[in-house]
Amino acid sequence: MAIPRIAVGNLVRVKSALADKYDRLARARKSKPLKAKLVRQAERFRRDAERIAGRLSS
């Protein structure tokens, strides 16, 4: 079952926004373990957005 292109584009925007959010949260934290966790989450959302965008272009 194919996902409509509009929904895929929205998903890319949402994942990118979440990555930005977690980057901001990581910068605001002083705890090194929590900062590292938030950075990893941001990287995961960014990878997801890139993967989904790659499907959109192919």
PDB file of N, CA and C in Angstrom:
ATOM      1  N   MET A   1       0.840  -1.175   0.000  1.00  0.00           N
ATOM      2  CA  MET A   1       0.000   0.000   0.000  1.00  0.00           C
ATOM      3  C   MET A   1       0.886   1.239   0.000  1.00  0.00           C
ATOM      4  N   ALA A   2       0.697   2.107  -0.949  1.00  0.00           N
ATOM      5  CA  ALA A   2       1.513   3.303  -1.090  1.00  0.00           C
ATOM      6  C   ALA A   2       0.974   4.433  -0.214  1.00  0.00           C
ATOM      7  N   ILE A   3       1.898   5.211   0.326  1.00  0.00           N
ATOM      8  CA  ILE A   3       1.530   6.378   1.113  1.00  0.00           C
ATOM      9  C   ILE A   3       1.492   7.578   0.170  1.00  0.00           C
ATOM     10  N   PRO A   4       0.455   8.409   0.243  1.00  0.00           N
ATOM     11  CA  PRO A   4       0.378   9.576  -0.643  1.00  0.00           C
ATOM     12  C   PRO A   4       1.585  10.496  -0.467  1.00  0.00           C
ATOM     13  N   ARG A   5       2.005  11.133  -1.556  1.00  0.00           N
ATOM     14  CA  ARG A   5       3.185  12.006  -1.530  1.00  0.00           C
ATOM     15  C   ARG A   5       3.023  13.150  -0.525  1.00  0.00           C
ATOM     16  N   ILE A   6       1.805  13.645  -0.373  1.00  0.00           N
ATOM     17  CA  ILE A   6       1.570  14.738   0.579  1.00  0.00           C
ATOM     18  C   ILE A   6       1.867  14.262   1.991  1.00  0.00           C
ATOM     19  N   ALA A   7       1.412  13.056   2.331  1.00  0.00           N
ATOM     20  CA  ALA A   7       1.647  12.513   3.663  1.00  0.00           C
ATOM     21  C   ALA A   7       3.132  12.274   3.889  1.00  0.00           C
ATOM     22  N   VAL A   8       3.840  11.834   2.870  1.00  0.00           N
ATOM     23  CA  VAL A   8       5.277  11.587   2.997  1.00  0.00           C
ATOM     24  C   VAL A   8       6.005  12.908   3.210  1.00  0.00           C
ATOM     25  N   GLY A   9       5.629  13.933   2.462  1.00  0.00           N
ATOM     26  CA  GLY A   9       6.241  15.250   2.647  1.00  0.00           C
ATOM     27  C   GLY A   9       5.998  15.788   4.040  1.00  0.00           C
ATOM     28  N   ASN A  10       4.793  15.584   4.549  1.00  0.00           N
ATOM     29  CA  ASN A  10       4.473  16.017   5.903  1.00  0.00           C
ATOM     30  C   ASN A  10       5.306  15.245   6.917  1.00  0.00           C
ATOM     31  N   LEU A  11       5.481  13.960   6.694  1.00  0.00           N
ATOM     32  CA  LEU A  11       6.277  13.134   7.591  1.00  0.00           C
ATOM     33  C   LEU A  11       7.726  13.619   7.637  1.00  0.00           C
ATOM     34  N   VAL A  12       8.273  13.999   6.496  1.00  0.00           N
ATOM     35  CA  VAL A  12       9.640  14.531   6.449  1.00  0.00           C
ATOM     36  C   VAL A  12       9.720  15.823   7.260  1.00  0.00           C
ATOM     37  N   ARG A  13       8.725  16.703   7.099  1.00  0.00           N
ATOM     38  CA  ARG A  13       8.718  17.965   7.853  1.00  0.00           C
ATOM     39  C   ARG A  13       8.633  17.714   9.352  1.00  0.00           C
ATOM     40  N   VAL A  14       7.789  16.774   9.762  1.00  0.00           N
ATOM     41  CA  VAL A  14       7.615  16.471  11.183  1.00  0.00           C
ATOM     42  C   VAL A  14       8.898  15.895  11.771  1.00  0.00           C
ATOM     43  N   LYS A  15       9.519  14.951  11.063  1.00  0.00           N
ATOM     44  CA  LYS A  15      10.763  14.350  11.560  1.00  0.00           C
ATOM     45  C   LYS A  15      11.864  15.401  11.673  1.00  0.00           C
ATOM     46  N   SER A  16      11.943  16.307  10.708  1.00  0.00           N
ATOM     47  CA  SER A  16      12.952  17.368  10.753  1.00  0.00           C
ATOM     48  C   SER A  16      12.685  18.316  11.919  1.00  0.00           C
ATOM     49  N   ALA A  17      11.423  18.636  12.149  1.00  0.00           N
ATOM     50  CA  ALA A  17      11.071  19.514  13.266  1.00  0.00           C
ATOM     51  C   ALA A  17      11.408  18.853  14.600  1.00  0.00           C
ATOM     52  N   LEU A  18      11.167  17.553  14.706  1.00  0.00           N
ATOM     53  CA  LEU A  18      11.520  16.838  15.933  1.00  0.00           C
ATOM     54  C   LEU A  18      13.031  16.825  16.146  1.00  0.00           C
ATOM     55  N   ALA A  19      13.788  16.654  15.078  1.00  0.00           N
ATOM     56  CA  ALA A  19      15.249  16.678  15.189  1.00  0.00           C
ATOM     57  C   ALA A  19      15.711  18.039  15.691  1.00  0.00           C
ATOM     58  N   ASP A  20      15.140  19.108  15.159  1.00  0.00           N
ATOM     59  CA  ASP A  20      15.494  20.456  15.616  1.00  0.00           C
ATOM     60  C   ASP A  20      15.138  20.643  17.087  1.00  0.00           C
ATOM     61  N   LYS A  21      13.977  20.136  17.481  1.00  0.00           N
ATOM     62  CA  LYS A  21      13.531  20.249  18.866  1.00  0.00           C
ATOM     63  C   LYS A  21      14.514  19.559  19.811  1.00  0.00           C
ATOM     64  N   TYR A  22      14.923  18.339  19.475  1.00  0.00           N
ATOM     65  CA  TYR A  22      15.828  17.611  20.347  1.00  0.00           C
ATOM     66  C   TYR A  22      17.222  18.227  20.359  1.00  0.00           C
ATOM     67  N   ASP A  23      17.638  18.851  19.261  1.00  0.00           N
ATOM     68  CA  ASP A  23      18.905  19.593  19.259  1.00  0.00           C
ATOM     69  C   ASP A  23      18.833  20.767  20.235  1.00  0.00           C
ATOM     70  N   ARG A  24      17.722  21.500  20.203  1.00  0.00           N
ATOM     71  CA  ARG A  24      17.552  22.631  21.128  1.00  0.00           C
ATOM     72  C   ARG A  24      17.543  22.149  22.575  1.00  0.00           C
ATOM     73  N   LEU A  25      16.825  21.053  22.837  1.00  0.00           N
ATOM     74  CA  LEU A  25      16.775  20.515  24.196  1.00  0.00           C
ATOM     75  C   LEU A  25      18.159  20.085  24.670  1.00  0.00           C
ATOM     76  N   ALA A  26      18.938  19.486  23.786  1.00  0.00           N
ATOM     77  CA  ALA A  26      20.282  19.028  24.150  1.00  0.00           C
ATOM     78  C   ALA A  26      21.171  20.209  24.521  1.00  0.00           C
ATOM     79  N   ARG A  27      21.050  21.305  23.783  1.00  0.00           N
ATOM     80  CA  ARG A  27      21.882  22.478  24.087  1.00  0.00           C
ATOM     81  C   ARG A  27      21.517  23.093  25.434  1.00  0.00           C
ATOM     82  N   ALA A  28      20.265  22.946  25.863  1.00  0.00           N
ATOM     83  CA  ALA A  28      19.799  23.564  27.099  1.00  0.00           C
ATOM     84  C   ALA A  28      20.122  22.727  28.340  1.00  0.00           C
ATOM     85  N   ARG A  29      20.575  21.507  28.174  1.00  0.00           N
ATOM     86  CA  ARG A  29      20.839  20.614  29.305  1.00  0.00           C
ATOM     87  C   ARG A  29      22.289  20.703  29.762  1.00  0.00           C
ATOM     88  N   LYS A  30      22.489  20.481  31.061  1.00  0.00           N
ATOM     89  CA  LYS A  30      23.844  20.479  31.603  1.00  0.00           C
ATOM     90  C   LYS A  30      24.348  19.060  31.844  1.00  0.00           C
ATOM     91  N   SER A  31      23.442  18.120  32.021  1.00  0.00           N
ATOM     92  CA  SER A  31      23.817  16.732  32.267  1.00  0.00           C
ATOM     93  C   SER A  31      24.380  16.112  30.987  1.00  0.00           C
ATOM     94  N   LYS A  32      25.611  15.612  31.064  1.00  0.00           N
ATOM     95  CA  LYS A  32      26.236  15.016  29.877  1.00  0.00           C
ATOM     96  C   LYS A  32      25.478  13.787  29.371  1.00  0.00           C
ATOM     97  N   PRO A  33      25.045  12.867  30.252  1.00  0.00           N
ATOM     98  CA  PRO A  33      24.302  11.703  29.754  1.00  0.00           C
ATOM     99  C   PRO A  33      22.985  12.093  29.074  1.00  0.00           C
ATOM    100  N   LEU A  34      22.260  13.037  29.665  1.00  0.00           N
ATOM    101  CA  LEU A  34      20.995  13.462  29.069  1.00  0.00           C
ATOM    102  C   LEU A  34      21.244  14.185  27.750  1.00  0.00           C
ATOM    103  N   LYS A  35      22.285  15.009  27.708  1.00  0.00           N
ATOM    104  CA  LYS A  35      22.625  15.725  26.477  1.00  0.00           C
ATOM    105  C   LYS A  35      22.946  14.732  25.365  1.00  0.00           C
ATOM    106  N   ALA A  36      23.724  13.696  25.690  1.00  0.00           N
ATOM    107  CA  ALA A  36      24.087  12.682  24.694  1.00  0.00           C
ATOM    108  C   ALA A  36      22.848  11.932  24.207  1.00  0.00           C
ATOM    109  N   LYS A  37      21.945  11.624  25.120  1.00  0.00           N
ATOM    110  CA  LYS A  37      20.709  10.925  24.749  1.00  0.00           C
ATOM    111  C   LYS A  37      19.877  11.771  23.786  1.00  0.00           C
ATOM    112  N   LEU A  38      19.745  13.055  24.082  1.00  0.00           N
ATOM    113  CA  LEU A  38      18.953  13.938  23.231  1.00  0.00           C
ATOM    114  C   LEU A  38      19.600  14.123  21.863  1.00  0.00           C
ATOM    115  N   VAL A  39      20.925  14.185  21.821  1.00  0.00           N
ATOM    116  CA  VAL A  39      21.627  14.306  20.537  1.00  0.00           C
ATOM    117  C   VAL A  39      21.396  13.050  19.702  1.00  0.00           C
ATOM    118  N   ARG A  40      21.456  11.875  20.333  1.00  0.00           N
ATOM    119  CA  ARG A  40      21.194  10.621  19.607  1.00  0.00           C
ATOM    120  C   ARG A  40      19.776  10.592  19.051  1.00  0.00           C
ATOM    121  N   GLN A  41      18.810  11.051  19.845  1.00  0.00           N
ATOM    122  CA  GLN A  41      17.429  11.086  19.364  1.00  0.00           C
ATOM    123  C   GLN A  41      17.294  12.030  18.175  1.00  0.00           C
ATOM    124  N   ALA A  42      17.948  13.180  18.242  1.00  0.00           N
ATOM    125  CA  ALA A  42      17.905  14.137  17.128  1.00  0.00           C
ATOM    126  C   ALA A  42      18.513  13.519  15.876  1.00  0.00           C
ATOM    127  N   GLU A  43      19.633  12.819  16.035  1.00  0.00           N
ATOM    128  CA  GLU A  43      20.275  12.167  14.886  1.00  0.00           C
ATOM    129  C   GLU A  43      19.363  11.106  14.282  1.00  0.00           C
ATOM    130  N   ARG A  44      18.671  10.362  15.133  1.00  0.00           N
ATOM    131  CA  ARG A  44      17.757   9.333  14.639  1.00  0.00           C
ATOM    132  C   ARG A  44      16.627   9.952  13.813  1.00  0.00           C
ATOM    133  N   PHE A  45      16.031  11.043  14.330  1.00  0.00           N
ATOM    134  CA  PHE A  45      14.960  11.707  13.587  1.00  0.00           C
ATOM    135  C   PHE A  45      15.482  12.268  12.271  1.00  0.00           C
ATOM    136  N   ARG A  46      16.703  12.806  12.271  1.00  0.00           N
ATOM    137  CA  ARG A  46      17.280  13.361  11.046  1.00  0.00           C
ATOM    138  C   ARG A  46      17.525  12.257  10.013  1.00  0.00           C
ATOM    139  N   ARG A  47      18.037  11.098  10.472  1.00  0.00           N
ATOM    140  CA  ARG A  47      18.235   9.954   9.566  1.00  0.00           C
ATOM    141  C   ARG A  47      16.908   9.481   8.989  1.00  0.00           C
ATOM    142  N   ASP A  48      15.882   9.405   9.845  1.00  0.00           N
ATOM    143  CA  ASP A  48      14.553   8.993   9.381  1.00  0.00           C
ATOM    144  C   ASP A  48      14.045   9.935   8.289  1.00  0.00           C
ATOM    145  N   ALA A  49      14.205  11.243   8.515  1.00  0.00           N
ATOM    146  CA  ALA A  49      13.731  12.225   7.538  1.00  0.00           C
ATOM    147  C   ALA A  49      14.477  12.071   6.220  1.00  0.00           C
ATOM    148  N   GLU A  50      15.793  11.855   6.282  1.00  0.00           N
ATOM    149  CA  GLU A  50      16.583  11.677   5.057  1.00  0.00           C
ATOM    150  C   GLU A  50      16.168  10.407   4.315  1.00  0.00           C
ATOM    151  N   ARG A  51      15.928   9.338   5.063  1.00  0.00           N
ATOM    152  CA  ARG A  51      15.519   8.071   4.452  1.00  0.00           C
ATOM    153  C   ARG A  51      14.163   8.219   3.762  1.00  0.00           C
ATOM    154  N   ILE A  52      13.234   8.873   4.438  1.00  0.00           N
ATOM    155  CA  ILE A  52      11.901   9.066   3.868  1.00  0.00           C
ATOM    156  C   ILE A  52      11.971   9.995   2.655  1.00  0.00           C
ATOM    157  N   ALA A  53      12.776  11.046   2.740  1.00  0.00           N
ATOM    158  CA  ALA A  53      12.928  11.977   1.612  1.00  0.00           C
ATOM    159  C   ALA A  53      13.550  11.258   0.417  1.00  0.00           C
ATOM    160  N   GLY A  54      14.445  10.317   0.663  1.00  0.00           N
ATOM    161  CA  GLY A  54      15.041   9.536  -0.416  1.00  0.00           C
ATOM    162  C   GLY A  54      14.009   8.696  -1.132  1.00  0.00           C
ATOM    163  N   ARG A  55      13.077   8.151  -0.384  1.00  0.00           N
ATOM    164  CA  ARG A  55      11.987   7.380  -1.001  1.00  0.00           C
ATOM    165  C   ARG A  55      11.094   8.285  -1.831  1.00  0.00           C
ATOM    166  N   LEU A  56      10.907   9.509  -1.345  1.00  0.00           N
ATOM    167  CA  LEU A  56      10.043  10.457  -2.040  1.00  0.00           C
ATOM    168  C   LEU A  56      10.635  10.832  -3.394  1.00  0.00           C
ATOM    169  N   SER A  57      11.964  10.973  -3.449  1.00  0.00           N
ATOM    170  CA  SER A  57      12.598  11.398  -4.699  1.00  0.00           C
ATOM    171  C   SER A  57      12.744  10.249  -5.694  1.00  0.00           C
ATOM    172  N   SER A  58      12.725   9.008  -5.210  1.00  0.00           N
ATOM    173  CA  SER A  58      12.906   7.880  -6.144  1.00  0.00           C
ATOM    174  C   SER A  58      11.613   7.415  -6.765  1.00  0.00           C
TER     175      SER A  58
END
